């Protein structure tokens, strides 16, 4: 019996309405190219929201999933498994961390990070040290704890009482954090670059200042590298670019190259407080996910790929600057590596989604980050010719939006 035909209308019939997907349904991908149900081809600058770090169906990942799928998929955490131990070893060897915990998503990673911070503070300093400080316009996931930490009330309002003792400072404003932090603060959580909040990198003075304030008040510094991590900015993790070491780091998205997996990385000193029985997950660290992530790691964590990301960033910046000189639609191009944002100027406020829709009409998949930023998060190994071709399509989209007034 063949599968029944499904269309975008099927979504409205059978899926909950918390998403509103575009009409086009992708059915096949290879590298940085995607094809829809009608066989139309698109260039993918969205990367599954910074997830598909090696594009679609990369040979190393296809090989890893094929090989592991014939060995062992899942055993639960009553037993450990070789791919999880091998991946954890790679992460420990390449970062500040001594210990790793695996889960299934960025939200779960941040949930674990926040729970660990609270447990650490409780056991080391006492129950009154429970304040968590996050930042306005940040995004840390959709669990009630993480969505409350994310500084966007539109995502957390309307679900009943929120977890307490969470306050929000202004991103890139150290004095705002100074006004909130005290010896009652157990942790400060921040993204080294706001992703959903507008593709805004932390200034070096800000992120170093956060580290100093955390040290002063015995608070843990949690870096949410779900979107910036695993090569996205030209470093394995973005903290390495600043020369600032967190106490806990969360990772997901690119970590699995398209397969769901998340992790937190931390030190022996902090990690010992997530002792036996304090936290868990059924699927986290499963052999299938860890084998795929391990294969992605082996491709990405090389000088050739990481330096190539910076070269690709330069190509994007040069092309986008040329487009802007012709059409005058952006106030700036910001971001780092292959997480970039084209920010709307005064004349085009609120039009980011119009640019995204126009790009799709031209055969290009891009993202937005709020109403005023078009976001690009392509494969880290995207071919230079695909960058050129995709940005040629983007230029046509820009021309269409400008012509439409």
Protein backbone atom coordinates (compact mmCIF):
# COMPACT_ATOMS: atom_id res chain seq x y z
CA UNK A 1 0.00 0.00 0.00
CA UNK A 2 1.49 3.33 -1.06
CA UNK A 3 1.63 6.37 1.22
CA UNK A 4 -1.32 8.73 0.86
CA UNK A 5 -0.65 12.04 -0.86
CA UNK A 6 -0.14 14.89 1.60
CA UNK A 7 -0.11 18.64 0.99
CA UNK A 8 0.26 21.81 3.01
CA UNK A 9 -3.51 21.61 3.62
CA UNK A 10 -2.95 18.29 5.39
CA UNK A 11 -0.96 20.15 8.03
CA UNK A 12 -4.00 22.22 8.99
CA UNK A 13 -6.10 19.07 9.21
CA UNK A 14 -3.87 16.90 11.37
CA UNK A 15 -1.23 19.06 13.09
CA UNK A 16 -1.57 21.39 16.06
CA UNK A 17 -1.58 25.05 14.97
CA UNK A 18 1.51 26.18 16.91
CA UNK A 19 3.43 26.42 13.60
CA UNK A 20 2.45 28.06 10.34
CA UNK A 21 4.77 26.44 7.77
CA UNK A 22 5.24 27.85 4.29
CA UNK A 23 3.41 26.26 1.37
CA UNK A 24 6.48 24.57 -0.11
CA UNK A 25 7.16 21.06 1.26
CA UNK A 26 10.79 19.89 0.93
CA UNK A 27 11.11 16.20 0.09
CA UNK A 28 14.78 15.71 -0.79
CA UNK A 29 18.11 17.35 -0.01
CA UNK A 30 21.70 16.94 -1.11
CA UNK A 31 24.50 19.22 0.01
CA UNK A 32 23.10 22.76 0.01
CA UNK A 33 20.29 21.96 -2.42
CA UNK A 34 16.70 21.00 -1.62
CA UNK A 35 13.84 19.84 -3.87
CA UNK A 36 10.11 20.21 -3.17
CA UNK A 37 7.15 17.99 -4.03
CA UNK A 38 6.99 19.45 -7.53
CA UNK A 39 10.70 18.80 -8.13
CA UNK A 40 11.65 22.47 -7.93
CA UNK A 41 15.21 23.09 -6.67
CA UNK A 42 16.21 25.53 -3.93
CA UNK A 43 19.53 26.62 -2.44
CA UNK A 44 19.46 26.25 1.34
CA UNK A 45 20.86 29.15 3.40
CA UNK A 46 18.66 28.22 6.40
CA UNK A 47 20.43 25.02 7.43
CA UNK A 48 17.38 23.81 9.37
CA UNK A 49 17.94 26.82 11.68
CA UNK A 50 21.69 26.29 12.07
CA UNK A 51 21.31 22.51 12.43
CA UNK A 52 22.44 21.00 9.11
CA UNK A 53 26.10 21.83 9.63
CA UNK A 54 27.22 19.54 6.81
CA UNK A 55 24.24 20.18 4.56
CA UNK A 56 21.83 17.46 3.52
CA UNK A 57 22.80 13.77 3.33
CA UNK A 58 26.54 14.33 3.81
CA UNK A 59 28.38 11.08 2.99
CA UNK A 60 30.08 10.90 6.41
CA UNK A 61 26.74 11.16 8.21
CA UNK A 62 24.96 8.79 5.83
CA UNK A 63 27.74 6.28 6.39
CA UNK A 64 27.59 6.70 10.18
CA UNK A 65 23.82 6.27 10.37
CA UNK A 66 23.88 3.25 8.05
CA UNK A 67 26.66 1.55 9.97
CA UNK A 68 25.29 2.25 13.46
CA UNK A 69 21.71 1.44 12.46
CA UNK A 70 22.79 -2.13 11.85
CA UNK A 71 24.52 -2.42 15.23
CA UNK A 72 22.67 -0.76 18.12
CA UNK A 73 20.09 2.04 18.29
CA UNK A 74 19.04 2.36 21.90
CA UNK A 75 19.78 0.69 25.22
CA UNK A 76 18.79 3.37 27.80
CA UNK A 77 21.13 4.81 30.41
CA UNK A 78 21.02 1.68 32.54
CA UNK A 79 24.00 0.82 30.29
CA UNK A 80 26.53 3.07 28.65
CA UNK A 81 27.58 2.63 25.03
CA UNK A 82 30.66 3.05 22.87
CA UNK A 83 29.51 5.91 20.57
CA UNK A 84 28.49 8.04 23.59
CA UNK A 85 31.84 7.49 25.30
CA UNK A 86 33.75 8.19 22.11
CA UNK A 87 31.83 11.42 21.45
CA UNK A 88 32.23 12.57 25.05
CA UNK A 89 35.97 11.94 24.83
CA UNK A 90 36.21 14.05 21.67
CA UNK A 91 34.33 16.93 23.29
CA UNK A 92 36.40 16.80 26.49
CA UNK A 93 39.66 16.65 24.53
CA UNK A 94 38.72 19.71 22.44
CA UNK A 95 37.18 22.05 25.05
CA UNK A 96 37.52 23.32 28.62
CA UNK A 97 35.27 20.52 29.86
CA UNK A 98 36.02 17.49 32.00
CA UNK A 99 32.55 15.98 31.87
CA UNK A 100 29.62 15.70 29.42
CA UNK A 101 25.90 14.96 29.76
CA UNK A 102 23.90 14.00 26.65
CA UNK A 103 20.25 14.77 25.98
CA UNK A 104 18.04 15.29 22.91
CA UNK A 105 17.79 19.02 22.24
CA UNK A 106 18.98 22.51 23.07
CA UNK A 107 16.07 23.10 25.42
CA UNK A 108 16.93 19.94 27.35
CA UNK A 109 20.58 20.95 27.47
CA UNK A 110 19.73 24.36 28.92
CA UNK A 111 17.24 22.78 31.33
CA UNK A 112 20.03 20.50 32.58
CA UNK A 113 22.46 23.42 32.80
CA UNK A 114 20.07 25.50 34.90
CA UNK A 115 19.18 22.58 37.16
CA UNK A 116 22.86 21.81 37.66
CA UNK A 117 23.59 25.45 38.53
CA UNK A 118 20.81 25.49 41.14
CA UNK A 119 21.97 22.18 42.65
CA UNK A 120 25.61 23.33 42.74
CA UNK A 121 24.68 26.55 44.54
CA UNK A 122 22.37 24.75 46.98
CA UNK A 123 24.96 22.18 48.00
CA UNK A 124 27.91 24.54 48.11
CA UNK A 125 26.39 27.79 49.45
CA UNK A 126 22.84 27.13 50.68
CA UNK A 127 19.21 27.52 49.60
CA UNK A 128 19.18 31.33 49.51
CA UNK A 129 21.64 31.38 46.56
CA UNK A 130 19.10 30.65 43.84
CA UNK A 131 18.86 33.69 41.55
CA UNK A 132 19.40 33.09 37.84
CA UNK A 133 20.13 36.10 35.63
CA UNK A 134 19.46 35.89 31.91
CA UNK A 135 19.12 38.59 29.23
CA UNK A 136 16.26 40.27 27.45
CA UNK A 137 15.69 39.10 23.86
CA UNK A 138 17.55 35.86 24.54
CA UNK A 139 16.27 32.38 23.69
CA UNK A 140 17.09 29.21 25.60
CA UNK A 141 14.35 26.74 24.66
CA UNK A 142 10.65 25.98 25.13
CA UNK A 143 10.44 24.13 28.44
CA UNK A 144 8.81 26.26 31.14
CA UNK A 145 12.17 26.78 32.88
CA UNK A 146 14.11 27.67 29.73
CA UNK A 147 11.37 29.78 28.16
CA UNK A 148 11.19 31.79 31.39
CA UNK A 149 14.95 32.29 31.28
CA UNK A 150 14.66 33.44 27.68
CA UNK A 151 13.96 37.15 27.89
CA UNK A 152 10.94 37.22 25.58
CA UNK A 153 7.69 37.25 27.60
CA UNK A 154 5.59 36.55 24.47
CA UNK A 155 6.97 33.00 24.56
CA UNK A 156 6.45 32.39 28.28
CA UNK A 157 3.21 34.26 29.12
CA UNK A 158 -0.03 32.34 29.30
CA UNK A 159 1.18 29.05 30.77
CA UNK A 160 0.48 29.68 34.43
CA UNK A 161 3.00 30.42 37.19
CA UNK A 162 6.58 30.63 35.96
CA UNK A 163 9.66 29.35 37.78
CA UNK A 164 10.82 32.01 40.22
CA UNK A 165 14.09 33.78 41.01
CA UNK A 166 14.86 34.54 37.35
CA UNK A 167 15.75 38.11 36.41
CA UNK A 168 16.71 39.73 33.12
CA UNK A 169 19.47 42.20 32.33
CA UNK A 170 20.10 44.04 29.06
CA UNK A 171 22.40 42.25 26.62
CA UNK A 172 25.77 43.91 25.98
CA UNK A 173 25.12 46.29 28.91
CA UNK A 174 27.39 45.34 31.80
CA UNK A 175 25.99 48.00 34.15
CA UNK A 176 22.55 46.40 33.75
CA UNK A 177 23.97 43.08 34.96
CA UNK A 178 25.91 44.76 37.76
CA UNK A 179 22.66 46.22 39.09
CA UNK A 180 21.09 42.76 39.40
CA UNK A 181 23.92 40.44 40.40
CA UNK A 182 24.71 39.71 44.04
CA UNK A 183 25.94 36.92 46.29
CA UNK A 184 22.43 35.42 45.94
CA UNK A 185 23.04 34.84 42.23
CA UNK A 186 23.72 31.18 41.43
CA UNK A 187 24.20 31.57 37.66
CA UNK A 188 24.24 33.93 34.70
CA UNK A 189 23.11 32.36 31.42
CA UNK A 190 23.79 34.00 28.07
CA UNK A 191 24.29 33.32 24.39
CA UNK A 192 27.65 34.54 23.08
CA UNK A 193 25.60 35.77 20.12
CA UNK A 194 21.86 36.36 20.30
CA UNK A 195 20.35 34.07 17.65
CA UNK A 196 16.56 34.42 17.71
CA UNK A 197 17.07 37.82 19.31
CA UNK A 198 18.59 39.38 16.21
CA UNK A 199 22.01 37.81 15.43
CA UNK A 200 23.83 40.15 17.82
CA UNK A 201 27.29 39.07 19.03
CA UNK A 202 28.46 39.89 22.55
CA UNK A 203 31.16 42.51 22.70
CA UNK A 204 34.45 41.23 24.07
CA UNK A 205 34.34 43.68 26.98
CA UNK A 206 30.81 42.54 27.87
CA UNK A 207 31.45 38.81 27.89
CA UNK A 208 34.70 39.26 29.82
CA UNK A 209 32.85 41.50 32.25
CA UNK A 210 30.19 38.83 32.77
CA UNK A 211 32.94 36.33 33.61
CA UNK A 212 34.50 38.75 36.13
CA UNK A 213 31.17 39.48 37.82
CA UNK A 214 30.41 35.76 38.06
CA UNK A 215 33.81 35.19 39.68
CA UNK A 216 33.23 38.05 42.11
CA UNK A 217 29.86 36.69 43.28
CA UNK A 218 30.60 32.94 43.10
CA UNK A 219 28.03 32.56 40.34
CA UNK A 220 28.35 30.05 37.51
CA UNK A 221 28.64 31.34 33.95
CA UNK A 222 26.47 29.29 31.58
CA UNK A 223 27.09 29.80 27.88
CA UNK A 224 24.23 28.75 25.62
CA UNK A 225 26.09 27.69 22.49
CA UNK A 226 23.18 25.77 21.00
CA UNK A 227 23.18 28.00 17.91
CA UNK A 228 26.76 29.32 17.91
CA UNK A 229 28.51 26.06 18.76
CA UNK A 230 30.05 23.17 16.86
CA UNK A 231 31.87 25.22 14.25
CA UNK A 232 29.14 27.73 13.40
CA UNK A 233 31.31 30.82 14.02
CA UNK A 234 34.62 29.42 12.78
CA UNK A 235 35.63 28.01 16.18
CA UNK A 236 34.51 24.69 17.58
CA UNK A 237 32.71 26.80 20.22
CA UNK A 238 32.43 30.57 20.19
CA UNK A 239 33.80 31.03 23.74
CA UNK A 240 37.19 30.15 22.25
CA UNK A 241 37.09 33.33 20.16
CA UNK A 242 36.72 35.49 23.29
CA UNK A 243 39.26 33.72 25.47
CA UNK A 244 36.59 33.39 28.17
CA UNK A 245 35.88 30.02 29.78
CA UNK A 246 32.35 29.21 31.02
CA UNK A 247 31.50 26.86 33.88
CA UNK A 248 28.76 25.12 31.88
CA UNK A 249 28.22 25.12 28.12
CA UNK A 250 25.13 23.87 26.29
CA UNK A 251 25.34 22.43 22.79
CA UNK A 252 22.81 21.03 20.31
CA UNK A 253 21.63 21.99 16.78
CA UNK A 254 24.78 21.41 14.65
CA UNK A 255 26.03 18.80 17.11
CA UNK A 256 24.03 16.06 15.36
CA UNK A 257 24.17 17.47 11.85
CA UNK A 258 20.39 17.05 11.60
CA UNK A 259 19.89 14.17 14.05
CA UNK A 260 18.43 15.24 17.43
CA UNK A 261 21.11 15.41 20.12
CA UNK A 262 22.07 17.90 22.82
CA UNK A 263 24.76 18.10 25.50
CA UNK A 264 26.10 20.08 28.38
CA UNK A 265 29.82 20.36 28.97
CA UNK A 266 31.21 21.26 32.38
CA UNK A 267 34.07 20.87 34.84
CA UNK A 268 34.68 18.19 37.46
CA UNK A 269 34.13 20.79 40.20
CA UNK A 270 30.65 21.73 38.97
CA UNK A 271 29.62 18.44 37.41
CA UNK A 272 30.00 16.37 40.56
CA UNK A 273 26.79 17.97 41.86
CA UNK A 274 24.68 16.25 39.20
CA UNK A 275 25.18 13.08 41.17
CA UNK A 276 23.48 9.72 40.67
CA UNK A 277 19.69 10.04 40.43
CA UNK A 278 19.48 13.85 40.22
CA UNK A 279 18.73 14.12 36.50
CA UNK A 280 18.10 11.85 33.55
CA UNK A 281 16.74 11.23 30.07
CA UNK A 282 15.45 8.15 28.28
CA UNK A 283 16.94 8.79 24.84
CA UNK A 284 19.89 11.03 25.73
CA UNK A 285 23.23 9.62 24.66
CA UNK A 286 21.70 6.91 22.49
CA UNK A 287 24.21 5.07 20.27
CA UNK A 288 22.61 6.18 17.00
CA UNK A 289 22.67 9.90 17.80
CA UNK A 290 26.16 9.78 19.27
CA UNK A 291 27.59 7.89 16.30
CA UNK A 292 26.23 10.52 13.91
CA UNK A 293 27.44 13.41 16.08
CA UNK A 294 30.86 11.76 16.34
CA UNK A 295 31.08 11.57 12.55
CA UNK A 296 30.05 15.24 12.26
CA UNK A 297 32.71 16.16 14.83
CA UNK A 298 35.43 14.40 12.82
CA UNK A 299 34.56 16.42 9.72
CA UNK A 300 34.09 19.81 11.40
CA UNK A 301 36.89 19.90 13.97
CA UNK A 302 39.64 20.31 11.38
CA UNK A 303 41.68 23.35 10.44
CA UNK A 304 40.51 23.12 6.83
CA UNK A 305 36.81 23.28 7.66
CA UNK A 306 37.05 25.85 10.48
CA UNK A 307 39.22 28.24 8.44
CA UNK A 308 36.96 27.67 5.45
CA UNK A 309 34.02 28.98 7.48
CA UNK A 310 35.74 32.35 7.84
CA UNK A 311 36.41 32.48 4.09
CA UNK A 312 32.76 31.73 3.39
CA UNK A 313 31.71 34.46 5.83
CA UNK A 314 33.78 36.93 3.83
CA UNK A 315 32.03 35.87 0.62
CA UNK A 316 28.62 36.45 2.21
CA UNK A 317 29.65 39.85 3.53
CA UNK A 318 31.07 41.00 0.19
CA UNK A 319 28.02 39.89 -1.79
CA UNK A 320 25.52 41.31 0.71
CA UNK A 321 27.41 44.62 0.83
CA UNK A 322 27.29 44.81 -2.98
CA UNK A 323 23.54 44.12 -2.96
CA UNK A 324 23.04 46.81 -0.34
CA UNK A 325 25.06 49.37 -2.29
CA UNK A 326 22.62 48.83 -5.16
CA UNK A 327 19.32 48.69 -3.25
CA UNK A 328 19.97 50.34 0.16
CA UNK A 329 17.87 48.03 2.34
CA UNK A 330 20.19 47.03 5.22
CA UNK A 331 21.64 49.11 8.04
CA UNK A 332 24.35 46.52 8.76
CA UNK A 333 25.47 42.94 8.25
CA UNK A 334 26.24 41.44 11.64
CA UNK A 335 27.13 38.11 13.16
CA UNK A 336 30.16 35.86 12.88
CA UNK A 337 31.16 32.88 10.77
CA UNK A 338 28.12 31.39 9.08
CA UNK A 339 25.53 32.85 11.44
CA UNK A 340 24.88 36.22 9.83
CA UNK A 341 22.07 38.75 9.93
CA UNK A 342 21.13 41.41 7.39
CA UNK A 343 19.45 44.12 9.46
CA UNK A 344 16.64 46.16 7.87
CA UNK A 345 17.23 49.90 7.65
CA UNK A 346 14.66 52.54 8.62
CA UNK A 347 12.87 52.38 5.27
CA UNK A 348 12.28 48.62 5.56
CA UNK A 349 11.41 48.16 9.23
CA UNK A 350 9.32 45.06 9.89
CA UNK A 351 9.89 43.59 6.40
CA UNK A 352 12.23 40.68 7.13
CA UNK A 353 9.52 38.09 6.42
CA UNK A 354 8.74 39.77 3.09
CA UNK A 355 12.38 39.31 2.08
CA UNK A 356 12.24 35.68 3.24
CA UNK A 357 9.10 35.02 1.18
CA UNK A 358 10.53 36.77 -1.88
CA UNK A 359 13.73 34.71 -1.56
CA UNK A 360 11.72 31.47 -1.55
CA UNK A 361 10.00 32.55 -4.77
CA UNK A 362 13.48 32.90 -6.29
CA UNK A 363 14.50 29.42 -5.10
CA UNK A 364 16.39 30.38 -1.93
CA UNK A 365 15.71 29.30 1.66
CA UNK A 366 16.63 31.90 4.30
CA UNK A 367 15.51 32.64 7.87
CA UNK A 368 14.46 35.63 9.91
CA UNK A 369 15.47 36.64 13.43
CA UNK A 370 12.61 38.85 14.51
CA UNK A 371 10.82 41.33 12.26
CA UNK A 372 13.92 43.23 11.18
CA UNK A 373 16.68 40.71 10.48
CA UNK A 374 17.11 38.26 7.61
CA UNK A 375 19.23 35.42 9.00
CA UNK A 376 21.64 33.16 7.12
CA UNK A 377 22.81 29.87 8.66
CA UNK A 378 23.95 27.65 5.77
CA UNK A 379 26.00 24.47 5.84
CA UNK A 380 29.50 25.06 7.18
CA UNK A 381 30.90 23.32 4.10
CA UNK A 382 28.64 25.03 1.55
CA UNK A 383 30.30 25.23 -1.87
CA UNK A 384 31.48 28.75 -2.82
CA UNK A 385 29.51 28.47 -6.07
CA UNK A 386 26.34 27.79 -4.07
CA UNK A 387 27.00 30.96 -2.04
CA UNK A 388 27.37 32.98 -5.24
CA UNK A 389 24.30 31.43 -6.88
CA UNK A 390 22.19 31.77 -3.74
CA UNK A 391 23.08 35.41 -3.25
CA UNK A 392 22.29 36.09 -6.91
CA UNK A 393 18.83 34.73 -6.17
CA UNK A 394 18.68 36.83 -3.01
CA UNK A 395 19.51 39.94 -5.02
CA UNK A 396 16.52 39.23 -7.29
CA UNK A 397 14.35 38.86 -4.20
CA UNK A 398 15.59 42.17 -2.80
CA UNK A 399 14.87 43.84 -6.15
CA UNK A 400 11.31 42.45 -6.07
CA UNK A 401 10.62 43.72 -2.55
CA UNK A 402 12.07 47.16 -3.31
CA UNK A 403 10.10 47.41 -6.58
CA UNK A 404 6.90 46.49 -4.72
CA UNK A 405 7.48 49.50 -2.51
